[in-house]
Amino acid sequence: MNTNNPLAADAFRRQYDSMKTDAQDWQKSWKELSRYIAPTRGFFEGDRPSDGRKIDHRSLIDSDPLLAVEVLSAGMVSGLTSPSRSWFELSLPDEKLMKQSGVQDWLYEVRRRMEEVFSRSNLYYALHGFYQEISVFGTAAFLLEEDFDKVISCRLFTAGEYVLGTDDQGNINAFGREFDLTAQQLLERFGAAHLPDQVLRAAKEKRNGWYKVRHVIMPNPQRDDSKADVGHMPYVSAYFTPQGQLLKRGGYQEFPVIAARWEVRNSSDIYGRGPGWKALGDVKMLQKMQKTKLVALDKNTNPPMMVSSNVQGEVNLLPGGLTRYNGTTDAAVKPAYQVPVDLNALEASIERVKQTIRGQFFADVFLMLSSQNFSRMTAAEVAERHQEKMLVLGPVLERLKNELLDPLVERTFAIMLRRGVIPMPPQSIEGEELKIQYVSMIAQAQKQSGMAAISQGVAFTASLAQGNPEVLDKVDFDAALEEGLGLLGVPPVMLRSEEETQRIRQQRAQALQAAQEAQGGAAIPDAH
């Protein structure tokens, strides 16, 4: 494909300009959120690359909101996508296929290999920043690329650095960003054949300076399913200059950008709103209250003074200082005014605002077990309290499942399949669609209500069986066990197949029958 086709370059530029226009109205809010809640995140027009932006400590006196963001992001990593434990399972929609020999072993091996790929890559580092971005700005995105050595690699973006587009259903399907490269970096990345002459001269002369490059990924309007070349993949990718010169064109089989929103106000919103949006007013109030407290403390410890005209020389306000004056009645030096400050009441008001901010960022959810005293509560009561708090995150987690977790697992699986990392499946399930189930700590907490229902149902049946054992025939205890273990996140590989289970039960029944027959045979002579 001719990468210097001006029509193709113009199409990409129009797509980027359209997405950038849609993002303009959000920029002001993102800048304010960055200033007050996430001073180390965000990249906006006017910011320079490789520039160590200073934190405005005149606006950020109290760092408690920043800590709340850290607690939320760390809690989401450990509770939703923990690198130290399994957080997803693979299964099949057809339960009969799941029980066939070798199927669960294959699914377990696929999941194990995917977890190994996740661990070797920089995914969990990207996810930590991803959760920070989405909690503050309401939207987060990273690029999931194929990697020659590690299978996958991730590139996290920050607010203001990228723009998004959606389809008619409100699903994110387009991405664009503008970034800076030096002339030498442009030469190494795109080659001399595609660079403007001024960039080539700068690279040859090794001059310093930055050049803008734009990158757009969008659905391929020239897609042809009958053709397998790069130009007809489902998604097209293009790098080009702001002037419209195409530098590189490629394609993707899946949309490679994992972008998610905390919540959206309506289906036409491209970007989301997160806890940072709701907490911003409280954060501003907290900083103002801390400034007021500091001013009050300063005035109490070093108040403005009135000096009599009888004072000789300068006033010495140091401890033990001596100031001479002429006069017998009025004090020579005294405070200009005195304002009684109730620091305890002020501190209590500040603490209430902090609690509100922590609540907006769900810090109380993730710090629950360490911040509350459960010494007098049973394990069941602790689990119930934990479950109640986790349910608050239900709507958010459902959106993250659809926009973060599902695309992440599916994209990684597709890359591994193309790379030959996925083992051959059993013939009985070839062509079958896989089902993703999430078994993270948060997912299990949300499922505990179902587990409680199973436990109560089994206990109720057992109590009735004491009066009428025949009620046990009504309950499928095998199904209850499988459902309960699934809710607990127990790997399916732990369960024996239906054939093996029946064989063990048959052997047990035969052994019991043989024992009874032997016991009966030994009792006959005694009867005579």
Protein backbone atom coordinates (compact mmCIF):
# COMPACT_ATOMS: atom_id res chain seq x y z
CA MET A 1 0.00 0.00 0.00
CA ASN A 2 1.28 3.45 -0.90
CA THR A 3 1.92 5.24 2.39
CA ASN A 4 2.22 8.59 0.59
CA ASN A 5 -1.39 8.52 -0.60
CA PRO A 6 -2.63 12.04 0.34
CA LEU A 7 -6.26 10.88 0.54
CA ALA A 8 -5.37 8.23 3.11
CA ALA A 9 -3.37 10.73 5.17
CA ASP A 10 -6.18 13.27 4.99
CA ALA A 11 -8.71 10.69 6.24
CA PHE A 12 -6.60 10.00 9.32
CA ARG A 13 -6.11 13.69 9.98
CA ARG A 14 -9.87 14.33 9.79
CA GLN A 15 -10.49 11.48 12.22
CA TYR A 16 -7.96 12.88 14.69
CA ASP A 17 -9.30 16.44 14.40
CA SER A 18 -12.85 15.21 15.01
CA MET A 19 -11.84 13.31 18.16
CA LYS A 20 -9.76 16.23 19.41
CA THR A 21 -12.72 18.59 19.01
CA ASP A 22 -14.88 16.25 21.09
CA ALA A 23 -12.24 16.26 23.84
CA GLN A 24 -11.88 20.05 24.06
CA ASP A 25 -14.78 20.48 26.48
CA TRP A 26 -13.22 17.95 28.88
CA GLN A 27 -9.74 19.48 28.96
CA LYS A 28 -10.54 22.19 31.50
CA SER A 29 -11.92 19.68 34.01
CA TRP A 30 -8.97 17.33 33.51
CA LYS A 31 -6.49 20.14 34.16
CA GLU A 32 -8.26 21.07 37.40
CA LEU A 33 -8.35 17.44 38.52
CA SER A 34 -4.66 17.10 37.75
CA ARG A 35 -3.80 20.22 39.71
CA TYR A 36 -5.69 19.32 42.90
CA ILE A 37 -5.78 15.50 42.99
CA ALA A 38 -3.17 14.03 40.61
CA PRO A 39 -0.33 16.56 40.17
CA THR A 40 2.01 13.95 38.68
CA ARG A 41 -0.49 12.85 36.02
CA GLY A 42 -1.93 14.58 32.99
CA PHE A 43 -0.23 16.03 29.89
CA PHE A 44 -1.86 19.04 28.26
CA GLU A 45 -1.21 21.57 25.56
CA GLY A 46 1.72 23.74 26.56
CA ASP A 47 3.42 20.97 28.53
CA ARG A 48 6.86 20.05 27.24
CA PRO A 49 8.17 16.48 26.88
CA SER A 50 10.72 15.32 29.45
CA ASP A 51 9.86 18.32 31.59
CA GLY A 52 9.81 17.76 35.35
CA ARG A 53 6.65 19.67 36.19
CA LYS A 54 6.71 21.01 39.73
CA ILE A 55 3.88 20.32 42.17
CA ASP A 56 2.03 23.46 43.22
CA HIS A 57 2.35 23.11 46.98
CA ARG A 58 0.53 26.40 47.47
CA SER A 59 -2.58 24.60 46.26
CA LEU A 60 -1.70 21.19 47.68
CA ILE A 61 -1.03 21.64 51.40
CA ASP A 62 -2.78 18.46 52.53
CA SER A 63 -1.79 15.25 50.70
CA ASP A 64 -4.68 13.17 52.05
CA PRO A 65 -6.59 13.18 48.69
CA LEU A 66 -3.48 11.86 46.93
CA LEU A 67 -3.24 9.08 49.51
CA ALA A 68 -6.92 8.22 48.92
CA VAL A 69 -6.18 7.79 45.21
CA GLU A 70 -3.24 5.52 46.01
CA VAL A 71 -5.38 3.40 48.32
CA LEU A 72 -8.06 3.01 45.65
CA SER A 73 -5.61 2.13 42.87
CA ALA A 74 -3.68 -0.32 45.04
CA GLY A 75 -6.94 -1.85 46.24
CA MET A 76 -8.17 -2.29 42.69
CA VAL A 77 -4.94 -3.99 41.67
CA SER A 78 -4.96 -6.42 44.58
CA GLY A 79 -8.72 -6.89 44.64
CA LEU A 80 -9.52 -7.05 40.92
CA THR A 81 -6.36 -8.03 39.01
CA SER A 82 -3.93 -9.30 41.60
CA PRO A 83 -0.52 -10.36 40.25
CA SER A 84 -0.13 -12.83 43.15
CA ARG A 85 -3.30 -14.89 42.68
CA SER A 86 -5.60 -16.03 39.90
CA TRP A 87 -8.24 -13.46 39.02
CA PHE A 88 -9.94 -15.16 36.06
CA GLU A 89 -10.97 -18.63 34.93
CA LEU A 90 -11.71 -20.04 31.49
CA SER A 91 -14.65 -22.34 30.89
CA LEU A 92 -17.15 -23.40 28.23
CA PRO A 93 -20.84 -22.43 28.05
CA ASP A 94 -21.73 -26.10 27.56
CA GLU A 95 -21.48 -27.89 30.93
CA LYS A 96 -21.43 -31.31 29.23
CA LEU A 97 -18.29 -30.39 27.28
CA MET A 98 -16.67 -29.13 30.49
CA LYS A 99 -17.03 -32.60 32.02
CA GLN A 100 -15.32 -34.41 29.17
CA SER A 101 -11.90 -35.86 29.78
CA GLY A 102 -8.97 -33.48 29.31
CA VAL A 103 -11.06 -30.33 28.84
CA GLN A 104 -10.55 -28.83 32.29
CA ASP A 105 -6.86 -29.69 32.21
CA TRP A 106 -6.53 -27.82 28.90
CA LEU A 107 -8.42 -24.78 30.21
CA TYR A 108 -6.28 -24.74 33.34
CA GLU A 109 -3.07 -24.89 31.27
CA VAL A 110 -4.23 -22.05 29.01
CA ARG A 111 -5.01 -19.88 32.02
CA ARG A 112 -1.65 -20.72 33.60
CA ARG A 113 0.20 -19.68 30.45
CA MET A 114 -1.77 -16.45 30.20
CA GLU A 115 -0.92 -15.62 33.80
CA GLU A 116 2.74 -16.25 33.02
CA VAL A 117 2.55 -13.88 30.05
CA PHE A 118 0.91 -11.22 32.23
CA SER A 119 3.62 -11.59 34.87
CA ARG A 120 6.50 -11.37 32.38
CA SER A 121 5.09 -8.23 30.76
CA ASN A 122 4.59 -4.78 32.25
CA LEU A 123 0.82 -5.27 32.48
CA TYR A 124 0.48 -4.96 36.26
CA TYR A 125 2.56 -1.79 36.31
CA ALA A 126 0.27 -0.36 33.62
CA LEU A 127 -2.85 -1.46 35.51
CA HIS A 128 -1.76 0.40 38.64
CA GLY A 129 -1.47 3.63 36.68
CA PHE A 130 -4.68 2.76 34.82
CA TYR A 131 -6.64 2.62 38.08
CA GLN A 132 -5.14 5.93 39.18
CA GLU A 133 -6.18 7.56 35.91
CA ILE A 134 -9.72 6.23 35.92
CA SER A 135 -10.33 7.08 39.58
CA VAL A 136 -9.25 10.70 39.13
CA PHE A 137 -10.19 11.59 35.56
CA GLY A 138 -12.94 9.02 34.97
CA THR A 139 -11.27 7.59 31.84
CA ALA A 140 -8.11 5.57 31.35
CA ALA A 141 -6.41 3.87 28.40
CA PHE A 142 -3.36 1.83 27.50
CA LEU A 143 -2.08 0.24 24.30
CA LEU A 144 -1.65 -3.55 24.32
CA GLU A 145 0.91 -4.46 21.67
CA GLU A 146 2.50 -7.71 20.56
CA ASP A 147 6.06 -8.10 21.87
CA PHE A 148 8.70 -10.32 20.32
CA ASP A 149 10.29 -11.33 23.63
CA LYS A 150 7.46 -11.09 26.17
CA VAL A 151 4.44 -11.79 23.90
CA ILE A 152 2.68 -8.58 25.03
CA SER A 153 3.70 -5.13 26.21
CA CYS A 154 1.64 -2.20 27.47
CA ARG A 155 1.95 1.54 27.02
CA LEU A 156 -0.07 3.59 29.51
CA PHE A 157 -1.40 7.03 28.57
CA THR A 158 -2.42 9.92 30.76
CA ALA A 159 -5.29 12.39 30.55
CA GLY A 160 -4.83 15.03 27.86
CA GLU A 161 -2.35 12.86 25.99
CA TYR A 162 -4.94 10.98 23.91
CA VAL A 163 -8.42 11.26 22.42
CA LEU A 164 -11.10 8.62 21.88
CA GLY A 165 -13.99 7.90 19.54
CA THR A 166 -17.06 5.69 19.90
CA ASP A 167 -19.42 3.78 17.61
CA ASP A 168 -23.19 4.23 17.43
CA GLN A 169 -23.58 1.95 20.47
CA GLY A 170 -21.32 4.08 22.65
CA ASN A 171 -18.44 1.55 22.58
CA ILE A 172 -14.91 2.93 22.27
CA ASN A 173 -13.54 1.95 18.85
CA ALA A 174 -11.12 4.74 17.87
CA PHE A 175 -8.02 6.24 19.44
CA GLY A 176 -5.67 9.10 18.66
CA ARG A 177 -2.75 10.82 20.30
CA GLU A 178 -0.12 13.45 19.57
CA PHE A 179 3.37 12.99 20.93
CA ASP A 180 6.89 14.32 20.46
CA LEU A 181 9.99 12.68 19.02
CA THR A 182 13.43 14.01 18.20
CA ALA A 183 14.65 13.98 14.61
CA GLN A 184 16.94 11.03 15.37
CA GLN A 185 14.08 9.09 16.95
CA LEU A 186 11.89 9.77 13.92
CA LEU A 187 14.62 8.48 11.63
CA GLU A 188 15.09 5.29 13.64
CA ARG A 189 11.36 4.63 13.91
CA PHE A 190 10.05 5.45 10.44
CA GLY A 191 13.06 5.45 8.13
CA ALA A 192 14.43 8.17 5.87
CA ALA A 193 12.04 7.44 2.98
CA HIS A 194 8.99 8.78 4.82
CA LEU A 195 10.38 11.80 6.69
CA PRO A 196 10.10 15.48 5.69
CA ASP A 197 13.34 17.04 4.40
CA GLN A 198 13.70 19.37 7.38
CA VAL A 199 13.58 16.41 9.77
CA LEU A 200 16.19 14.53 7.74
CA ARG A 201 18.52 17.55 7.81
CA ALA A 202 18.05 17.92 11.56
CA ALA A 203 18.80 14.24 12.10
CA LYS A 204 21.89 14.41 9.90
CA GLU A 205 23.18 17.47 11.72
CA LYS A 206 22.18 15.91 15.12
CA ARG A 207 20.27 19.03 16.12
CA ASN A 208 18.16 19.01 19.28
CA GLY A 209 14.45 19.70 19.12
CA TRP A 210 11.07 18.02 19.21
CA TYR A 211 8.71 17.22 16.36
CA LYS A 212 5.00 16.44 16.65
CA VAL A 213 3.71 13.06 15.48
CA ARG A 214 0.10 11.90 15.46
CA HIS A 215 -1.12 8.33 15.77
CA VAL A 216 -4.65 7.19 14.93
CA ILE A 217 -6.24 3.73 15.31
CA MET A 218 -9.74 3.31 13.94
CA PRO A 219 -12.02 0.80 12.18
CA ASN A 220 -10.70 0.07 8.71
CA PRO A 221 -13.09 1.43 6.05
CA GLN A 222 -11.22 -0.65 3.42
CA ARG A 223 -11.59 -3.93 5.33
CA ASP A 224 -12.08 -7.01 3.15
CA ASP A 225 -12.55 -10.30 5.02
CA SER A 226 -11.49 -12.26 1.95
CA LYS A 227 -8.01 -10.70 2.11
CA ALA A 228 -5.48 -11.38 4.85
CA ASP A 229 -2.93 -8.61 4.21
CA VAL A 230 -2.25 -5.77 6.64
CA GLY A 231 -4.23 -3.25 4.62
CA HIS A 232 -7.49 -5.17 5.13
CA MET A 233 -7.34 -5.90 8.86
CA PRO A 234 -10.36 -4.91 11.00
CA TYR A 235 -8.51 -1.91 12.46
CA VAL A 236 -6.11 0.42 10.68
CA SER A 237 -3.24 2.28 12.35
CA ALA A 238 -1.46 5.33 10.95
CA TYR A 239 1.36 7.64 12.04
CA PHE A 240 1.49 11.04 10.35
CA THR A 241 2.71 14.59 10.81
CA PRO A 242 0.33 17.43 11.79
CA GLN A 243 0.75 18.68 8.23
CA GLY A 244 -0.70 15.39 6.94
CA GLN A 245 2.35 13.49 5.70
CA LEU A 246 1.88 9.77 6.33
CA LEU A 247 4.85 8.16 8.09
CA LYS A 248 3.64 4.61 8.62
CA ARG A 249 0.48 2.56 8.15
CA GLY A 250 -0.40 -0.80 9.69
CA GLY A 251 -3.30 -2.78 11.09
CA TYR A 252 -4.65 -4.83 13.97
CA GLN A 253 -6.85 -7.89 14.17
CA GLU A 254 -8.39 -6.60 17.41
CA PHE A 255 -8.79 -3.08 18.76
CA PRO A 256 -5.47 -2.79 20.64
CA VAL A 257 -6.39 0.05 22.98
CA ILE A 258 -7.84 -0.99 26.33
CA ALA A 259 -9.92 2.04 27.30
CA ALA A 260 -12.48 2.16 30.11
CA ARG A 261 -14.66 4.71 31.87
CA TRP A 262 -15.67 4.75 35.52
CA GLU A 263 -19.20 5.88 34.72
CA VAL A 264 -20.91 7.79 31.92
CA ARG A 265 -23.78 10.23 32.31
CA ASN A 266 -25.46 9.21 29.05
CA SER A 267 -24.79 7.00 26.04
CA SER A 268 -23.40 9.89 23.98
CA ASP A 269 -20.57 10.63 26.44
CA ILE A 270 -17.22 9.56 25.02
CA TYR A 271 -15.33 10.11 28.28
CA GLY A 272 -16.29 9.16 31.82
CA ARG A 273 -16.47 10.72 35.23
CA GLY A 274 -14.84 9.15 38.27
CA PRO A 275 -14.56 9.68 42.01
CA GLY A 276 -12.23 12.61 41.39
CA TRP A 277 -15.06 14.57 39.77
CA LYS A 278 -17.27 14.13 42.84
CA ALA A 279 -14.52 14.79 45.36
CA LEU A 280 -13.02 17.88 43.69
CA GLY A 281 -15.13 20.38 45.66
CA ASP A 282 -14.28 18.67 48.94
CA VAL A 283 -10.60 18.59 47.99
CA LYS A 284 -10.61 22.35 47.33
CA MET A 285 -12.41 22.95 50.62
CA LEU A 286 -9.87 20.79 52.48
CA GLN A 287 -6.94 22.78 51.10
CA LYS A 288 -8.64 26.07 52.02
CA MET A 289 -9.37 24.83 55.53
CA GLN A 290 -5.76 23.80 55.99
CA LYS A 291 -4.62 27.23 54.83
CA THR A 292 -7.01 28.85 57.30
CA LYS A 293 -5.68 26.65 60.10
CA LEU A 294 -2.08 27.54 59.27
CA VAL A 295 -2.90 31.25 59.19
CA ALA A 296 -4.66 30.93 62.57
CA LEU A 297 -1.69 29.12 64.07
CA ASP A 298 0.68 31.70 62.65
CA LYS A 299 -1.32 34.59 64.05
CA ASN A 300 -1.49 32.94 67.48
CA THR A 301 2.20 32.19 67.67
CA ASN A 302 3.38 35.30 65.84
CA PRO A 303 0.56 37.88 65.98
CA PRO A 304 0.64 41.28 64.30
CA MET A 305 1.90 43.86 66.82
CA MET A 306 1.22 47.50 67.74
CA VAL A 307 4.28 49.50 68.80
CA SER A 308 4.09 52.66 70.95
CA SER A 309 5.79 55.82 69.73
CA ASN A 310 7.81 55.77 72.95
CA VAL A 311 9.75 52.70 71.85
CA GLN A 312 13.44 53.39 71.38
CA GLY A 313 14.96 51.62 68.37
CA GLU A 314 13.68 48.40 66.86
CA VAL A 315 11.31 45.98 68.54
CA ASN A 316 12.97 42.73 69.64
CA LEU A 317 10.39 39.92 69.41
CA LEU A 318 12.84 37.08 70.04
CA PRO A 319 12.48 34.99 73.25
CA GLY A 320 14.20 36.92 76.05
CA GLY A 321 14.56 39.99 73.83
CA LEU A 322 14.69 43.45 75.37
CA THR A 323 12.96 46.51 73.94
CA ARG A 324 13.49 49.91 75.63
CA TYR A 325 10.80 52.55 75.69
CA ASN A 326 9.81 55.72 77.51
CA GLY A 327 6.43 55.68 79.21
CA THR A 328 4.68 54.64 82.36
CA THR A 329 1.13 53.67 81.43
CA ASP A 330 0.49 52.10 78.03
CA ALA A 331 2.36 48.99 77.01
CA ALA A 332 4.99 49.76 74.46
CA VAL A 333 4.35 46.60 72.38
CA LYS A 334 1.12 44.56 72.26
CA PRO A 335 -0.85 42.45 69.76
CA ALA A 336 -2.90 44.49 67.29
CA TYR A 337 -5.90 42.18 67.86
CA GLN A 338 -6.60 38.78 69.35
CA VAL A 339 -8.90 36.23 67.71
CA PRO A 340 -9.63 33.14 69.81
CA VAL A 341 -9.16 30.05 67.64
CA ASP A 342 -10.84 26.77 68.55
CA LEU A 343 -8.29 24.43 66.97
CA ASN A 344 -10.11 21.32 68.16
CA ALA A 345 -13.30 22.32 66.32
CA LEU A 346 -11.29 23.24 63.22
CA GLU A 347 -9.44 19.91 63.28
CA ALA A 348 -12.75 18.06 63.67
CA SER A 349 -14.18 19.87 60.63
CA ILE A 350 -11.08 19.05 58.61
CA GLU A 351 -11.30 15.40 59.61
CA ARG A 352 -14.95 15.23 58.48
CA VAL A 353 -13.97 16.59 55.06
CA LYS A 354 -11.15 14.04 54.85
CA GLN A 355 -13.56 11.24 55.65
CA THR A 356 -15.86 12.42 52.87
CA ILE A 357 -12.98 12.42 50.39
CA ARG A 358 -11.86 8.96 51.47
CA GLY A 359 -15.41 7.74 51.08
CA GLN A 360 -15.62 9.14 47.54
CA PHE A 361 -12.49 7.16 46.64
CA PHE A 362 -13.74 4.01 48.44
CA ALA A 363 -10.70 4.08 50.71
CA ASP A 364 -12.90 2.85 53.55
CA VAL A 365 -13.79 -0.20 51.44
CA PHE A 366 -10.21 -1.26 50.84
CA LEU A 367 -8.95 -0.33 54.29
CA MET A 368 -11.96 -1.81 56.06
CA LEU A 369 -10.28 -4.82 57.62
CA SER A 370 -7.36 -2.79 58.94
CA SER A 371 -9.28 0.30 60.06
CA GLN A 372 -12.10 -1.38 61.96
CA ASN A 373 -12.10 -3.59 65.01
CA PHE A 374 -13.50 -7.04 64.23
CA SER A 375 -12.12 -8.76 67.32
CA ARG A 376 -15.61 -9.37 68.71
CA MET A 377 -17.16 -10.44 65.38
CA THR A 378 -17.39 -13.93 63.95
CA ALA A 379 -15.80 -14.85 60.62
CA ALA A 380 -19.28 -14.97 59.04
CA GLU A 381 -20.05 -11.45 60.28
CA VAL A 382 -16.74 -10.13 58.95
CA ALA A 383 -17.43 -11.75 55.55
CA GLU A 384 -20.92 -10.26 55.50
CA ARG A 385 -19.62 -6.77 56.30
CA HIS A 386 -16.94 -7.17 53.65
CA GLN A 387 -19.55 -8.26 51.13
CA GLU A 388 -21.80 -5.27 51.85
CA LYS A 389 -19.02 -2.79 51.22
CA MET A 390 -17.85 -4.53 48.02
CA LEU A 391 -21.38 -4.44 46.61
CA VAL A 392 -21.10 -0.63 46.51
CA LEU A 393 -18.62 -1.05 43.65
CA GLY A 394 -20.99 -3.30 41.70
CA PRO A 395 -21.98 -0.96 38.82
CA VAL A 396 -18.40 0.26 38.36
CA LEU A 397 -17.00 -3.27 38.30
CA GLU A 398 -19.55 -4.35 35.71
CA ARG A 399 -18.36 -1.57 33.40
CA LEU A 400 -14.71 -2.45 34.07
CA LYS A 401 -15.51 -6.06 33.23
CA ASN A 402 -16.89 -5.04 29.83
CA GLU A 403 -14.35 -2.33 28.96
CA LEU A 404 -11.16 -3.49 30.71
CA LEU A 405 -11.07 -7.14 31.74
CA ASP A 406 -12.86 -8.80 28.82
CA PRO A 407 -10.87 -6.93 26.11
CA LEU A 408 -7.62 -7.53 28.04
CA VAL A 409 -8.10 -11.30 28.29
CA GLU A 410 -9.49 -11.67 24.77
CA ARG A 411 -6.75 -9.58 23.14
CA THR A 412 -4.01 -11.44 25.02
CA PHE A 413 -5.52 -14.82 24.13
CA ALA A 414 -5.67 -13.85 20.44
CA ILE A 415 -2.03 -12.71 20.44
CA MET A 416 -0.90 -15.91 22.18
CA LEU A 417 -2.92 -18.00 19.72
CA ARG A 418 -1.21 -16.32 16.74
CA ARG A 419 2.18 -16.76 18.39
CA GLY A 420 1.58 -20.49 18.96
CA VAL A 421 1.73 -20.15 22.75
CA ILE A 422 -1.70 -21.72 23.29
CA PRO A 423 -1.61 -25.57 23.37
CA MET A 424 -3.79 -27.56 21.01
CA PRO A 425 -7.27 -28.05 22.49
CA PRO A 426 -9.01 -31.46 22.74
CA GLN A 427 -10.79 -32.34 19.51
CA SER A 428 -14.16 -32.36 21.27
CA ILE A 429 -14.04 -28.58 21.89
CA GLU A 430 -12.34 -27.33 18.71
CA GLY A 431 -14.17 -24.25 17.47
CA GLU A 432 -16.05 -23.76 20.75
CA GLU A 433 -16.23 -20.27 22.26
CA LEU A 434 -14.52 -19.79 25.60
CA LYS A 435 -16.26 -18.21 28.58
CA ILE A 436 -14.40 -15.90 30.98
CA GLN A 437 -15.23 -15.99 34.68
CA TYR A 438 -13.64 -13.65 37.20
CA VAL A 439 -12.56 -15.01 40.56
CA SER A 440 -10.73 -12.04 42.06
CA MET A 441 -11.22 -11.03 45.68
CA ILE A 442 -13.75 -8.36 44.71
CA ALA A 443 -15.59 -10.70 42.32
CA GLN A 444 -15.85 -13.35 45.02
CA ALA A 445 -17.07 -10.79 47.57
CA GLN A 446 -19.88 -9.88 45.20
CA LYS A 447 -20.77 -13.54 44.75
CA GLN A 448 -20.93 -14.26 48.47
CA SER A 449 -24.66 -13.58 48.52
CA GLY A 450 -25.10 -16.62 46.25
CA MET A 451 -22.83 -18.67 48.45
CA ALA A 452 -24.85 -17.71 51.53
CA ALA A 453 -28.04 -18.85 49.79
CA ILE A 454 -26.51 -22.25 48.99
CA SER A 455 -25.26 -22.72 52.55
CA GLN A 456 -28.60 -21.76 54.03
CA GLY A 457 -30.44 -24.03 51.60
CA VAL A 458 -28.27 -27.03 52.43
CA ALA A 459 -28.60 -26.36 56.18
CA PHE A 460 -32.38 -26.03 55.88
CA THR A 461 -32.57 -29.32 53.95
CA ALA A 462 -30.45 -31.07 56.58
CA SER A 463 -32.74 -29.85 59.36
CA LEU A 464 -35.82 -31.16 57.53
CA ALA A 465 -34.08 -34.49 56.84
CA GLN A 466 -33.94 -35.17 60.57
CA GLY A 467 -37.70 -35.60 60.51
CA ASN A 468 -38.03 -37.01 56.97
CA PRO A 469 -34.85 -38.33 55.30
CA GLU A 470 -36.66 -38.59 51.96
CA VAL A 471 -36.34 -34.81 51.40
CA LEU A 472 -32.64 -35.40 50.66
CA ASP A 473 -33.69 -37.05 47.39
CA LYS A 474 -35.03 -33.70 46.20
CA VAL A 475 -31.68 -31.86 46.37
CA ASP A 476 -28.81 -32.35 43.89
CA PHE A 477 -25.91 -32.04 46.30
CA ASP A 478 -23.35 -32.52 43.52
CA ALA A 479 -24.73 -29.47 41.71
CA ALA A 480 -24.75 -27.48 44.96
CA LEU A 481 -21.13 -28.41 45.57
CA GLU A 482 -20.01 -27.40 42.09
CA GLU A 483 -21.92 -24.11 42.25
CA GLY A 484 -20.56 -23.29 45.70
CA LEU A 485 -16.96 -24.08 44.80
CA GLY A 486 -17.35 -21.95 41.69
CA LEU A 487 -18.52 -19.00 43.79
CA LEU A 488 -15.51 -19.49 46.06
CA GLY A 489 -13.17 -19.34 43.07
CA VAL A 490 -11.92 -22.91 43.42
CA PRO A 491 -10.19 -24.00 40.17
CA PRO A 492 -12.36 -26.46 38.20
CA VAL A 493 -9.33 -28.72 37.82
CA MET A 494 -9.83 -29.65 41.49
CA LEU A 495 -13.06 -31.44 40.64
CA ARG A 496 -13.06 -34.98 39.32
CA SER A 497 -14.83 -35.74 36.08
CA GLU A 498 -18.33 -37.23 36.16
CA GLU A 499 -17.01 -40.59 34.95
CA GLU A 500 -14.32 -40.74 37.63
CA THR A 501 -16.79 -39.69 40.33
CA GLN A 502 -19.24 -42.43 39.34
CA ARG A 503 -16.45 -45.00 39.24
CA ILE A 504 -15.32 -44.11 42.79
CA ARG A 505 -18.88 -44.28 44.06
CA GLN A 506 -19.45 -47.61 42.36
CA GLN A 507 -16.27 -49.02 43.90
CA ARG A 508 -17.34 -47.76 47.32
CA ALA A 509 -20.78 -49.32 46.91
CA GLN A 510 -19.27 -52.64 45.83
CA ALA A 511 -16.86 -52.61 48.77
CA LEU A 512 -19.70 -51.84 51.16
CA GLN A 513 -21.83 -54.61 49.69
CA ALA A 514 -18.95 -57.08 49.94
CA ALA A 515 -18.41 -56.10 53.58
CA GLN A 516 -22.08 -56.57 54.35
CA GLU A 517 -22.13 -59.96 52.63
CA ALA A 518 -19.02 -61.05 54.55
CA GLN A 519 -20.58 -59.90 57.80
CA GLY A 520 -23.85 -61.67 56.94
CA GLY A 521 -22.04 -64.89 56.03
CA ALA A 522 -20.16 -64.87 59.33
CA ALA A 523 -23.40 -64.40 61.28
CA ILE A 524 -25.12 -67.56 59.90
CA PRO A 525 -23.15 -70.16 61.98
CA ASP A 526 -23.77 -68.14 65.12
CA ALA A 527 -27.50 -68.38 64.46
CA HIS A 528 -27.32 -72.18 64.42
